[in-house]
């Protein structure tokens, strides 16, 4: 089967497995796992941020960040398509007791002007206090779209002016960095916290990292324990993250090229109504009215291709390091003959 359901389906390469097998480990609950400590130091240095903390999942990293920046009864500003709102099980409400002010952005991205308009008056006791702005780069539901860095800078100015924290759900941030030729340091100097997923395009089997100041990460360590995220010999998994940062970043450009090739194939299919703009490794497309999504997905499965639905008529394919050029050609042919 050619699995395009997500870039999370990848298995460690043989070289990554070998690197993991030879990792030096300790007890990370006591902060004595050399490989975990090395990963945290490496990625913090990469973004020129003070500290980092390893997590078992990106959802936990995001939820801890929200907890860091808010108090119960306050409000977080995010896009209506944001992962922290749509795909984290209502965690912002359950874990932090905050409400979400959803902005009507474009492909998961909004403007500084929209943020300014959404901030509540702190003196109005009828309204929740706005305390956090969260953005996602690349946008998952937006089809791997990349934010305009200049707009991010404008939002930062709004945050500073209104004493708001600024969090980046950077689950696929390295895809954006490669696609737009930007640097980690550019983002490190803007955000209060950044979550990075190692188990998507970077190809590690598990794990995410939260970056921030020493003060934030010290507090995050306690919240991670509270959420049940403390691990023991986690260095075997952290080693995969180190290997991924060293070997799997630049190659993300190949995933982007393959996604565009599949997108071009979809555009030629008579049953496809629209293919969203493709910037990175996510392909979003829509079928013509009358074609059942479930039936279409099953047809492709019969042909050996797996994909997923995101609701609202969105079908999704995601390229990753296990998708070869030959498989891309095979996918395009299957679509053409369907």
C-alpha atoms as a PDB file:
ATOM      1  CA  UNK A   1       0.000   0.000   0.000  1.00  0.00           C
ATOM      2  CA  UNK A   2       1.098   3.574  -0.723  1.00  0.00           C
ATOM      3  CA  UNK A   3       0.218   5.374   2.494  1.00  0.00           C
ATOM      4  CA  UNK A   4      -0.613   9.061   2.028  1.00  0.00           C
ATOM      5  CA  UNK A   5      -2.816   9.342   5.128  1.00  0.00           C
ATOM      6  CA  UNK A   6      -0.197  11.403   6.986  1.00  0.00           C
ATOM      7  CA  UNK A   7       3.520  12.043   7.344  1.00  0.00           C
ATOM      8  CA  UNK A   8       3.189  10.455  10.801  1.00  0.00           C
ATOM      9  CA  UNK A   9       3.080   6.947   9.305  1.00  0.00           C
ATOM     10  CA  UNK A  10       6.829   6.789   8.616  1.00  0.00           C
ATOM     11  CA  UNK A  11       9.032   4.208  10.277  1.00  0.00           C
ATOM     12  CA  UNK A  12      12.642   4.940  11.293  1.00  0.00           C
ATOM     13  CA  UNK A  13      15.185   4.436   8.534  1.00  0.00           C
ATOM     14  CA  UNK A  14      17.816   1.761   9.101  1.00  0.00           C
ATOM     15  CA  UNK A  15      20.408   4.440   9.885  1.00  0.00           C
ATOM     16  CA  UNK A  16      18.076   6.146  12.344  1.00  0.00           C
ATOM     17  CA  UNK A  17      17.373   2.821  14.045  1.00  0.00           C
ATOM     18  CA  UNK A  18      21.091   2.151  14.360  1.00  0.00           C
ATOM     19  CA  UNK A  19      21.601   5.608  15.869  1.00  0.00           C
ATOM     20  CA  UNK A  20      18.767   4.956  18.338  1.00  0.00           C
ATOM     21  CA  UNK A  21      20.145   1.533  19.230  1.00  0.00           C
ATOM     22  CA  UNK A  22      23.481   3.028  20.252  1.00  0.00           C
ATOM     23  CA  UNK A  23      22.019   5.970  22.177  1.00  0.00           C
ATOM     24  CA  UNK A  24      23.344   6.727  25.623  1.00  0.00           C
ATOM     25  CA  UNK A  25      20.426   6.857  28.059  1.00  0.00           C
ATOM     26  CA  UNK A  26      19.605   7.632  31.668  1.00  0.00           C
ATOM     27  CA  UNK A  27      16.541   8.590  33.725  1.00  0.00           C
ATOM     28  CA  UNK A  28      14.925  11.675  32.210  1.00  0.00           C
ATOM     29  CA  UNK A  29      12.595  12.178  35.194  1.00  0.00           C
ATOM     30  CA  UNK A  30      15.764  13.162  37.056  1.00  0.00           C
ATOM     31  CA  UNK A  31      16.916  15.042  33.920  1.00  0.00           C
ATOM     32  CA  UNK A  32      19.807  12.584  33.637  1.00  0.00           C
ATOM     33  CA  UNK A  33      19.245  11.147  30.161  1.00  0.00           C
ATOM     34  CA  UNK A  34      22.212  12.315  28.039  1.00  0.00           C
ATOM     35  CA  UNK A  35      20.407  11.880  24.711  1.00  0.00           C
ATOM     36  CA  UNK A  36      17.313  13.788  25.824  1.00  0.00           C
ATOM     37  CA  UNK A  37      19.489  16.558  27.214  1.00  0.00           C
ATOM     38  CA  UNK A  38      21.487  16.666  23.977  1.00  0.00           C
ATOM     39  CA  UNK A  39      18.326  16.924  21.846  1.00  0.00           C
ATOM     40  CA  UNK A  40      16.926  19.714  24.011  1.00  0.00           C
ATOM     41  CA  UNK A  41      20.188  21.649  23.918  1.00  0.00           C
ATOM     42  CA  UNK A  42      20.574  21.109  20.162  1.00  0.00           C
ATOM     43  CA  UNK A  43      17.136  22.376  19.137  1.00  0.00           C
ATOM     44  CA  UNK A  44      17.194  25.288  21.612  1.00  0.00           C
ATOM     45  CA  UNK A  45      20.521  26.368  20.130  1.00  0.00           C
ATOM     46  CA  UNK A  46      19.141  25.978  16.603  1.00  0.00           C
ATOM     47  CA  UNK A  47      16.330  28.442  17.343  1.00  0.00           C
ATOM     48  CA  UNK A  48      18.532  30.584  19.613  1.00  0.00           C
ATOM     49  CA  UNK A  49      16.068  30.131  22.455  1.00  0.00           C
ATOM     50  CA  UNK A  50      17.071  29.578  26.062  1.00  0.00           C
ATOM     51  CA  UNK A  51      15.707  26.086  26.673  1.00  0.00           C
ATOM     52  CA  UNK A  52      13.674  23.162  25.359  1.00  0.00           C
ATOM     53  CA  UNK A  53      11.733  20.227  26.766  1.00  0.00           C
ATOM     54  CA  UNK A  54      11.064  16.839  25.157  1.00  0.00           C
ATOM     55  CA  UNK A  55       7.460  15.564  24.989  1.00  0.00           C
ATOM     56  CA  UNK A  56       5.835  12.295  23.903  1.00  0.00           C
ATOM     57  CA  UNK A  57       3.438  14.169  21.588  1.00  0.00           C
ATOM     58  CA  UNK A  58       2.829  17.492  19.877  1.00  0.00           C
ATOM     59  CA  UNK A  59      -0.613  17.730  21.445  1.00  0.00           C
ATOM     60  CA  UNK A  60       0.886  17.564  24.928  1.00  0.00           C
ATOM     61  CA  UNK A  61       3.512  20.170  24.019  1.00  0.00           C
ATOM     62  CA  UNK A  62       0.809  22.539  22.731  1.00  0.00           C
ATOM     63  CA  UNK A  63      -1.449  21.939  25.726  1.00  0.00           C
ATOM     64  CA  UNK A  64       1.363  22.625  28.165  1.00  0.00           C
ATOM     65  CA  UNK A  65       2.139  25.838  26.297  1.00  0.00           C
ATOM     66  CA  UNK A  66      -1.486  26.973  26.588  1.00  0.00           C
ATOM     67  CA  UNK A  67      -1.388  26.169  30.312  1.00  0.00           C
ATOM     68  CA  UNK A  68       1.807  28.193  30.668  1.00  0.00           C
ATOM     69  CA  UNK A  69       0.345  31.339  29.170  1.00  0.00           C
ATOM     70  CA  UNK A  70      -3.205  31.389  30.527  1.00  0.00           C
ATOM     71  CA  UNK A  71      -5.335  31.252  33.643  1.00  0.00           C
ATOM     72  CA  UNK A  72      -8.757  29.619  33.942  1.00  0.00           C
ATOM     73  CA  UNK A  73     -11.508  31.746  32.462  1.00  0.00           C
ATOM     74  CA  UNK A  74      -9.182  33.571  30.053  1.00  0.00           C
ATOM     75  CA  UNK A  75      -9.226  33.469  26.278  1.00  0.00           C
ATOM     76  CA  UNK A  76      -6.933  32.292  23.500  1.00  0.00           C
ATOM     77  CA  UNK A  77      -7.077  33.756  20.003  1.00  0.00           C
ATOM     78  CA  UNK A  78      -6.555  31.230  17.187  1.00  0.00           C
ATOM     79  CA  UNK A  79      -7.818  30.439  13.706  1.00  0.00           C
ATOM     80  CA  UNK A  80     -11.064  28.514  13.205  1.00  0.00           C
ATOM     81  CA  UNK A  81      -8.995  25.764  11.562  1.00  0.00           C
ATOM     82  CA  UNK A  82      -6.295  25.670  14.256  1.00  0.00           C
ATOM     83  CA  UNK A  83      -5.047  22.268  15.382  1.00  0.00           C
ATOM     84  CA  UNK A  84      -5.093  23.374  19.032  1.00  0.00           C
ATOM     85  CA  UNK A  85      -8.849  23.947  18.684  1.00  0.00           C
ATOM     86  CA  UNK A  86      -9.979  21.246  16.240  1.00  0.00           C
ATOM     87  CA  UNK A  87      -7.758  18.236  16.807  1.00  0.00           C
ATOM     88  CA  UNK A  88      -6.602  18.209  20.435  1.00  0.00           C
ATOM     89  CA  UNK A  89      -9.731  16.808  22.029  1.00  0.00           C
ATOM     90  CA  UNK A  90     -10.945  20.054  23.561  1.00  0.00           C
ATOM     91  CA  UNK A  91      -7.764  20.156  25.626  1.00  0.00           C
ATOM     92  CA  UNK A  92      -7.651  23.950  25.933  1.00  0.00           C
ATOM     93  CA  UNK A  93     -10.990  23.883  27.738  1.00  0.00           C
ATOM     94  CA  UNK A  94     -10.331  20.694  29.722  1.00  0.00           C
ATOM     95  CA  UNK A  95      -6.718  21.287  30.769  1.00  0.00           C
ATOM     96  CA  UNK A  96      -6.558  25.074  31.037  1.00  0.00           C
ATOM     97  CA  UNK A  97     -10.179  26.182  31.332  1.00  0.00           C
ATOM     98  CA  UNK A  98      -9.831  28.741  28.555  1.00  0.00           C
ATOM     99  CA  UNK A  99     -12.208  29.700  25.770  1.00  0.00           C
ATOM    100  CA  UNK A 100     -11.145  30.201  22.161  1.00  0.00           C
ATOM    101  CA  UNK A 101     -11.804  33.291  20.071  1.00  0.00           C
ATOM    102  CA  UNK A 102     -11.846  31.836  16.569  1.00  0.00           C
ATOM    103  CA  UNK A 103     -10.735  34.059  13.713  1.00  0.00           C
ATOM    104  CA  UNK A 104     -11.991  33.581  10.174  1.00  0.00           C
ATOM    105  CA  UNK A 105      -8.647  33.410   8.425  1.00  0.00           C
ATOM    106  CA  UNK A 106      -7.555  32.231   4.998  1.00  0.00           C
ATOM    107  CA  UNK A 107      -6.312  28.635   4.914  1.00  0.00           C
ATOM    108  CA  UNK A 108      -5.721  28.752   8.678  1.00  0.00           C
ATOM    109  CA  UNK A 109      -3.911  32.121   8.670  1.00  0.00           C
ATOM    110  CA  UNK A 110      -5.246  35.462   9.911  1.00  0.00           C
ATOM    111  CA  UNK A 111      -4.017  39.052   9.997  1.00  0.00           C
ATOM    112  CA  UNK A 112      -2.682  41.334  12.702  1.00  0.00           C
ATOM    113  CA  UNK A 113      -5.721  43.536  12.142  1.00  0.00           C
ATOM    114  CA  UNK A 114      -8.018  40.604  12.955  1.00  0.00           C
ATOM    115  CA  UNK A 115      -6.065  39.947  16.156  1.00  0.00           C
ATOM    116  CA  UNK A 116      -6.325  43.569  17.249  1.00  0.00           C
ATOM    117  CA  UNK A 117     -10.094  43.523  16.693  1.00  0.00           C
ATOM    118  CA  UNK A 118     -10.503  40.292  18.689  1.00  0.00           C
ATOM    119  CA  UNK A 119      -8.752  41.425  21.894  1.00  0.00           C
ATOM    120  CA  UNK A 120     -11.219  41.936  24.710  1.00  0.00           C
ATOM    121  CA  UNK A 121     -11.339  45.018  26.924  1.00  0.00           C
ATOM    122  CA  UNK A 122      -9.778  43.940  30.231  1.00  0.00           C
ATOM    123  CA  UNK A 123     -11.965  46.399  32.143  1.00  0.00           C
ATOM    124  CA  UNK A 124     -15.170  44.768  30.884  1.00  0.00           C
ATOM    125  CA  UNK A 125     -16.057  42.154  33.528  1.00  0.00           C
ATOM    126  CA  UNK A 126     -18.514  40.457  31.137  1.00  0.00           C
ATOM    127  CA  UNK A 127     -15.742  39.347  28.782  1.00  0.00           C
ATOM    128  CA  UNK A 128     -12.914  36.858  29.283  1.00  0.00           C
ATOM    129  CA  UNK A 129      -9.431  38.365  29.475  1.00  0.00           C
ATOM    130  CA  UNK A 130      -7.485  37.768  26.268  1.00  0.00           C
ATOM    131  CA  UNK A 131      -4.067  36.393  27.203  1.00  0.00           C
ATOM    132  CA  UNK A 132      -2.696  34.299  24.330  1.00  0.00           C
ATOM    133  CA  UNK A 133      -2.431  34.284  20.537  1.00  0.00           C
ATOM    134  CA  UNK A 134      -1.614  30.931  18.927  1.00  0.00           C
ATOM    135  CA  UNK A 135      -0.761  30.335  15.276  1.00  0.00           C
ATOM    136  CA  UNK A 136       0.087  27.181  13.326  1.00  0.00           C
ATOM    137  CA  UNK A 137       2.829  26.951  10.687  1.00  0.00           C
ATOM    138  CA  UNK A 138       2.386  25.150   8.393  1.00  0.00           C
ATOM    139  CA  UNK A 139      -1.389  24.979   8.642  1.00  0.00           C
ATOM    140  CA  UNK A 140      -2.617  21.398   8.669  1.00  0.00           C
ATOM    141  CA  UNK A 141      -6.242  21.974   7.717  1.00  0.00           C
ATOM    142  CA  UNK A 142      -5.088  24.754   5.415  1.00  0.00           C
ATOM    143  CA  UNK A 143      -3.197  22.257   3.259  1.00  0.00           C
ATOM    144  CA  UNK A 144       0.346  22.869   4.457  1.00  0.00           C
ATOM    145  CA  UNK A 145       0.156  26.611   3.847  1.00  0.00           C
ATOM    146  CA  UNK A 146       3.018  28.802   5.096  1.00  0.00           C
ATOM    147  CA  UNK A 147       2.545  32.047   6.986  1.00  0.00           C
ATOM    148  CA  UNK A 148       3.853  35.362   5.683  1.00  0.00           C
ATOM    149  CA  UNK A 149       6.706  36.180   8.057  1.00  0.00           C
ATOM    150  CA  UNK A 150       5.974  39.907   7.820  1.00  0.00           C
ATOM    151  CA  UNK A 151       2.423  39.311   9.068  1.00  0.00           C
ATOM    152  CA  UNK A 152       3.797  37.308  11.995  1.00  0.00           C
ATOM    153  CA  UNK A 153       5.972  40.297  12.915  1.00  0.00           C
ATOM    154  CA  UNK A 154       2.897  42.553  12.842  1.00  0.00           C
ATOM    155  CA  UNK A 155       1.013  40.152  15.129  1.00  0.00           C
ATOM    156  CA  UNK A 156       3.987  40.157  17.506  1.00  0.00           C
ATOM    157  CA  UNK A 157       3.757  43.938  17.735  1.00  0.00           C
ATOM    158  CA  UNK A 158       0.070  43.621  18.655  1.00  0.00           C
ATOM    159  CA  UNK A 159       0.955  41.031  21.312  1.00  0.00           C
ATOM    160  CA  UNK A 160       3.626  43.264  22.863  1.00  0.00           C
ATOM    161  CA  UNK A 161       1.331  46.281  22.859  1.00  0.00           C
ATOM    162  CA  UNK A 162      -1.465  44.330  24.583  1.00  0.00           C
ATOM    163  CA  UNK A 163       0.673  42.166  26.896  1.00  0.00           C
ATOM    164  CA  UNK A 164      -0.303  38.917  25.169  1.00  0.00           C
ATOM    165  CA  UNK A 165       1.752  35.731  24.967  1.00  0.00           C
ATOM    166  CA  UNK A 166       2.516  34.370  21.495  1.00  0.00           C
ATOM    167  CA  UNK A 167       2.695  30.605  20.851  1.00  0.00           C
ATOM    168  CA  UNK A 168       3.613  28.814  17.629  1.00  0.00           C
ATOM    169  CA  UNK A 169       2.278  25.356  16.930  1.00  0.00           C
ATOM    170  CA  UNK A 170       5.188  24.469  14.696  1.00  0.00           C
ATOM    171  CA  UNK A 171       4.299  20.830  14.150  1.00  0.00           C
ATOM    172  CA  UNK A 172       5.509  21.174  10.556  1.00  0.00           C
ATOM    173  CA  UNK A 173       7.570  24.335  10.978  1.00  0.00           C
ATOM    174  CA  UNK A 174      10.624  22.827   9.271  1.00  0.00           C
ATOM    175  CA  UNK A 175       8.508  22.291   6.147  1.00  0.00           C
ATOM    176  CA  UNK A 176       7.779  26.021   6.152  1.00  0.00           C
ATOM    177  CA  UNK A 177      11.439  26.917   6.787  1.00  0.00           C
ATOM    178  CA  UNK A 178      12.581  24.803   3.839  1.00  0.00           C
ATOM    179  CA  UNK A 179       9.787  25.974   1.526  1.00  0.00           C
ATOM    180  CA  UNK A 180      10.338  29.676   2.236  1.00  0.00           C
ATOM    181  CA  UNK A 181      14.103  29.572   2.813  1.00  0.00           C
ATOM    182  CA  UNK A 182      13.713  30.958   6.329  1.00  0.00           C
ATOM    183  CA  UNK A 183      15.799  30.229   9.416  1.00  0.00           C
ATOM    184  CA  UNK A 184      14.911  28.833  12.861  1.00  0.00           C
ATOM    185  CA  UNK A 185      16.453  31.934  14.478  1.00  0.00           C
ATOM    186  CA  UNK A 186      13.877  34.147  12.764  1.00  0.00           C
ATOM    187  CA  UNK A 187      11.125  32.348  14.654  1.00  0.00           C
ATOM    188  CA  UNK A 188      13.027  31.909  17.892  1.00  0.00           C
ATOM    189  CA  UNK A 189      13.263  35.652  18.429  1.00  0.00           C
ATOM    190  CA  UNK A 190       9.514  36.229  17.966  1.00  0.00           C
ATOM    191  CA  UNK A 191       7.602  33.595  19.910  1.00  0.00           C
ATOM    192  CA  UNK A 192       7.331  33.030  23.637  1.00  0.00           C
ATOM    193  CA  UNK A 193       7.017  29.294  23.018  1.00  0.00           C
ATOM    194  CA  UNK A 194       7.304  27.036  19.964  1.00  0.00           C
ATOM    195  CA  UNK A 195       6.308  23.377  19.657  1.00  0.00           C
ATOM    196  CA  UNK A 196       8.160  21.266  17.094  1.00  0.00           C
ATOM    197  CA  UNK A 197       7.023  17.800  16.022  1.00  0.00           C
ATOM    198  CA  UNK A 198       9.787  15.302  15.268  1.00  0.00           C
ATOM    199  CA  UNK A 199       7.503  12.465  14.141  1.00  0.00           C
ATOM    200  CA  UNK A 200       6.004  14.051  11.018  1.00  0.00           C
ATOM    201  CA  UNK A 201       8.147  15.154   8.070  1.00  0.00           C
ATOM    202  CA  UNK A 202      11.338  14.722  10.069  1.00  0.00           C
ATOM    203  CA  UNK A 203      10.639  11.002  10.307  1.00  0.00           C
ATOM    204  CA  UNK A 204      11.246  10.187  13.976  1.00  0.00           C
ATOM    205  CA  UNK A 205       8.887   7.495  15.349  1.00  0.00           C
ATOM    206  CA  UNK A 206       7.638   9.643  18.236  1.00  0.00           C
ATOM    207  CA  UNK A 207       8.244  12.897  20.071  1.00  0.00           C
ATOM    208  CA  UNK A 208       7.918  16.669  20.072  1.00  0.00           C
ATOM    209  CA  UNK A 209       9.826  19.522  21.691  1.00  0.00           C
ATOM    210  CA  UNK A 210       8.642  22.724  23.349  1.00  0.00           C
ATOM    211  CA  UNK A 211      11.009  25.706  23.209  1.00  0.00           C
ATOM    212  CA  UNK A 212      10.971  28.843  25.331  1.00  0.00           C
ATOM    213  CA  UNK A 213      12.735  30.795  28.044  1.00  0.00           C
ATOM    214  CA  UNK A 214      14.371  29.101  31.026  1.00  0.00           C
ATOM    215  CA  UNK A 215      11.481  30.319  33.158  1.00  0.00           C
ATOM    216  CA  UNK A 216       8.808  28.915  30.845  1.00  0.00           C
ATOM    217  CA  UNK A 217      10.528  25.561  30.390  1.00  0.00           C
ATOM    218  CA  UNK A 218      11.067  25.140  34.151  1.00  0.00           C
ATOM    219  CA  UNK A 219       7.342  25.634  34.602  1.00  0.00           C
ATOM    220  CA  UNK A 220       6.603  23.368  31.621  1.00  0.00           C
ATOM    221  CA  UNK A 221       8.597  20.577  33.291  1.00  0.00           C
ATOM    222  CA  UNK A 222       6.201  20.622  36.242  1.00  0.00           C
ATOM    223  CA  UNK A 223       3.098  20.749  34.001  1.00  0.00           C
ATOM    224  CA  UNK A 224       4.438  17.892  31.858  1.00  0.00           C
ATOM    225  CA  UNK A 225       4.691  15.812  35.035  1.00  0.00           C
ATOM    226  CA  UNK A 226       1.143  16.825  35.978  1.00  0.00           C
ATOM    227  CA  UNK A 227      -0.089  15.731  32.541  1.00  0.00           C
ATOM    228  CA  UNK A 228       1.674  12.376  32.846  1.00  0.00           C
ATOM    229  CA  UNK A 229       4.340  13.117  30.268  1.00  0.00           C
ATOM    230  CA  UNK A 230       7.458  12.360  32.317  1.00  0.00           C
ATOM    231  CA  UNK A 231       9.430   9.452  30.802  1.00  0.00           C
ATOM    232  CA  UNK A 232      12.405   7.399  31.944  1.00  0.00           C
ATOM    233  CA  UNK A 233      14.945   6.168  29.348  1.00  0.00           C
ATOM    234  CA  UNK A 234      13.470   8.392  26.672  1.00  0.00           C
ATOM    235  CA  UNK A 235      16.893   8.870  25.108  1.00  0.00           C
ATOM    236  CA  UNK A 236      16.311   6.051  22.638  1.00  0.00           C
ATOM    237  CA  UNK A 237      13.470   8.095  21.136  1.00  0.00           C
ATOM    238  CA  UNK A 238      15.234  11.439  21.564  1.00  0.00           C
ATOM    239  CA  UNK A 239      18.167  10.023  19.588  1.00  0.00           C
ATOM    240  CA  UNK A 240      15.812   9.627  16.626  1.00  0.00           C
ATOM    241  CA  UNK A 241      15.049  13.346  16.922  1.00  0.00           C
ATOM    242  CA  UNK A 242      18.743  14.210  16.916  1.00  0.00           C
ATOM    243  CA  UNK A 243      19.295  12.066  13.821  1.00  0.00           C
ATOM    244  CA  UNK A 244      16.273  13.648  12.115  1.00  0.00           C
ATOM    245  CA  UNK A 245      17.538  17.187  12.737  1.00  0.00           C
ATOM    246  CA  UNK A 246      20.934  16.240  11.330  1.00  0.00           C
ATOM    247  CA  UNK A 247      19.765  14.301   8.271  1.00  0.00           C
ATOM    248  CA  UNK A 248      16.092  14.855   7.423  1.00  0.00           C
ATOM    249  CA  UNK A 249      15.567  18.613   7.233  1.00  0.00           C
ATOM    250  CA  UNK A 250      16.888  19.550   3.786  1.00  0.00           C
ATOM    251  CA  UNK A 251      15.269  16.502   2.203  1.00  0.00           C
ATOM    252  CA  UNK A 252      11.813  17.940   3.062  1.00  0.00           C
ATOM    253  CA  UNK A 253      12.087  19.804  -0.254  1.00  0.00           C
ATOM    254  CA  UNK A 254      11.747  16.417  -2.004  1.00  0.00           C
ATOM    255  CA  UNK A 255       8.426  15.799  -0.231  1.00  0.00           C
ATOM    256  CA  UNK A 256       7.216  19.188  -1.449  1.00  0.00           C
ATOM    257  CA  UNK A 257       8.176  18.377  -5.036  1.00  0.00           C
ATOM    258  CA  UNK A 258       6.355  15.050  -4.883  1.00  0.00           C
ATOM    259  CA  UNK A 259       3.235  16.706  -3.468  1.00  0.00           C
ATOM    260  CA  UNK A 260       3.195  19.190  -6.346  1.00  0.00           C
ATOM    261  CA  UNK A 261       3.560  16.363  -8.862  1.00  0.00           C
ATOM    262  CA  UNK A 262       0.576  14.539  -7.372  1.00  0.00           C
ATOM    263  CA  UNK A 263      -1.348  17.820  -7.306  1.00  0.00           C
ATOM    264  CA  UNK A 264      -0.763  18.322 -11.024  1.00  0.00           C
ATOM    265  CA  UNK A 265      -2.064  14.822 -11.626  1.00  0.00           C
ATOM    266  CA  UNK A 266      -5.203  15.545  -9.603  1.00  0.00           C
ATOM    267  CA  UNK A 267      -5.864  18.744 -11.554  1.00  0.00           C
ATOM    268  CA  UNK A 268      -6.188  16.675 -14.725  1.00  0.00           C
ATOM    269  CA  UNK A 269      -8.788  14.343 -13.217  1.00  0.00           C
ATOM    270  CA  UNK A 270     -12.361  14.974 -14.345  1.00  0.00           C
ATOM    271  CA  UNK A 271     -13.767  13.966 -10.923  1.00  0.00           C
ATOM    272  CA  UNK A 272     -11.736  16.594  -9.055  1.00  0.00           C
ATOM    273  CA  UNK A 273     -13.467  19.939  -8.552  1.00  0.00           C
ATOM    274  CA  UNK A 274     -10.527  21.817  -7.029  1.00  0.00           C
ATOM    275  CA  UNK A 275      -6.974  21.300  -5.793  1.00  0.00           C
ATOM    276  CA  UNK A 276      -5.849  23.762  -3.122  1.00  0.00           C
ATOM    277  CA  UNK A 277      -2.542  25.564  -3.600  1.00  0.00           C
ATOM    278  CA  UNK A 278       0.362  23.286  -2.634  1.00  0.00           C
ATOM    279  CA  UNK A 279       3.295  24.872  -0.810  1.00  0.00           C
ATOM    280  CA  UNK A 280       4.682  21.984   1.194  1.00  0.00           C
ATOM    281  CA  UNK A 281       3.835  18.287   1.615  1.00  0.00           C
ATOM    282  CA  UNK A 282       0.053  18.405   2.113  1.00  0.00           C
ATOM    283  CA  UNK A 283      -2.395  18.079  -0.772  1.00  0.00           C
ATOM    284  CA  UNK A 284      -6.001  19.151  -0.192  1.00  0.00           C
ATOM    285  CA  UNK A 285      -8.555  18.542  -2.952  1.00  0.00           C
ATOM    286  CA  UNK A 286     -12.308  18.466  -3.452  1.00  0.00           C
ATOM    287  CA  UNK A 287     -14.483  16.124  -5.504  1.00  0.00           C
ATOM    288  CA  UNK A 288     -17.326  17.187  -7.770  1.00  0.00           C
ATOM    289  CA  UNK A 289     -20.790  17.114  -6.251  1.00  0.00           C
ATOM    290  CA  UNK A 290     -22.389  13.693  -6.385  1.00  0.00           C
ATOM    291  CA  UNK A 291     -19.184  11.714  -5.858  1.00  0.00           C
ATOM    292  CA  UNK A 292     -19.208  10.165  -2.383  1.00  0.00           C
ATOM    293  CA  UNK A 293     -15.985  10.704  -0.420  1.00  0.00           C
ATOM    294  CA  UNK A 294     -16.151   7.334   1.351  1.00  0.00           C
ATOM    295  CA  UNK A 295     -16.652   5.540  -1.983  1.00  0.00           C
ATOM    296  CA  UNK A 296     -13.757   7.426  -3.562  1.00  0.00           C
ATOM    297  CA  UNK A 297     -11.429   6.625  -0.646  1.00  0.00           C
ATOM    298  CA  UNK A 298     -12.402   2.950  -0.846  1.00  0.00           C
ATOM    299  CA  UNK A 299     -11.788   2.887  -4.621  1.00  0.00           C
ATOM    300  CA  UNK A 300      -8.266   4.229  -4.141  1.00  0.00           C
ATOM    301  CA  UNK A 301      -7.665   1.766  -1.333  1.00  0.00           C
ATOM    302  CA  UNK A 302      -8.561  -1.054  -3.727  1.00  0.00           C
ATOM    303  CA  UNK A 303      -5.911   0.357  -6.093  1.00  0.00           C
ATOM    304  CA  UNK A 304      -3.329   0.414  -3.276  1.00  0.00           C
ATOM    305  CA  UNK A 305      -3.426   4.096  -2.260  1.00  0.00           C
ATOM    306  CA  UNK A 306      -4.461   5.289   1.198  1.00  0.00           C
ATOM    307  CA  UNK A 307      -5.655   8.847   1.892  1.00  0.00           C
ATOM    308  CA  UNK A 308      -7.873  10.588   4.457  1.00  0.00           C
ATOM    309  CA  UNK A 309     -10.759  13.019   4.785  1.00  0.00           C
ATOM    310  CA  UNK A 310     -10.705  16.158   6.908  1.00  0.00           C
ATOM    311  CA  UNK A 311     -14.417  16.854   6.682  1.00  0.00           C
ATOM    312  CA  UNK A 312     -16.104  19.785   4.915  1.00  0.00           C
ATOM    313  CA  UNK A 313     -15.411  18.087   1.593  1.00  0.00           C
ATOM    314  CA  UNK A 314     -11.639  18.141   2.085  1.00  0.00           C
ATOM    315  CA  UNK A 315      -9.666  15.089   1.010  1.00  0.00           C
ATOM    316  CA  UNK A 316      -6.032  14.964   2.048  1.00  0.00           C
ATOM    317  CA  UNK A 317      -2.840  13.327   0.815  1.00  0.00           C
ATOM    318  CA  UNK A 318       0.484  13.840   2.584  1.00  0.00           C
ATOM    319  CA  UNK A 319       3.896  13.007   1.145  1.00  0.00           C
ATOM    320  CA  UNK A 320       6.779  11.875   3.334  1.00  0.00           C
ATOM    321  CA  UNK A 321      10.190  10.224   3.278  1.00  0.00           C
ATOM    322  CA  UNK A 322       8.795   6.765   2.457  1.00  0.00           C
ATOM    323  CA  UNK A 323       7.110   7.938  -0.755  1.00  0.00           C
ATOM    324  CA  UNK A 324       9.406   7.321  -3.728  1.00  0.00           C
ATOM    325  CA  UNK A 325       9.485   8.953  -7.166  1.00  0.00           C
ATOM    326  CA  UNK A 326       8.271   5.672  -8.660  1.00  0.00           C
ATOM    327  CA  UNK A 327       5.308   5.638  -6.275  1.00  0.00           C
ATOM    328  CA  UNK A 328       4.431   9.214  -7.247  1.00  0.00           C
ATOM    329  CA  UNK A 329       4.305   8.140 -10.894  1.00  0.00           C
ATOM    330  CA  UNK A 330       2.164   5.163  -9.883  1.00  0.00           C
ATOM    331  CA  UNK A 331      -0.250   7.400  -7.925  1.00  0.00           C
ATOM    332  CA  UNK A 332      -0.656   9.794 -10.859  1.00  0.00           C
ATOM    333  CA  UNK A 333      -1.344   6.877 -13.217  1.00  0.00           C
ATOM    334  CA  UNK A 334      -3.927   5.362 -10.853  1.00  0.00           C
ATOM    335  CA  UNK A 335      -5.705   8.725 -10.623  1.00  0.00           C
ATOM    336  CA  UNK A 336      -5.618   9.155 -14.396  1.00  0.00           C
ATOM    337  CA  UNK A 337      -7.115   5.712 -14.997  1.00  0.00           C
ATOM    338  CA  UNK A 338      -9.724   5.876 -12.235  1.00  0.00           C
END
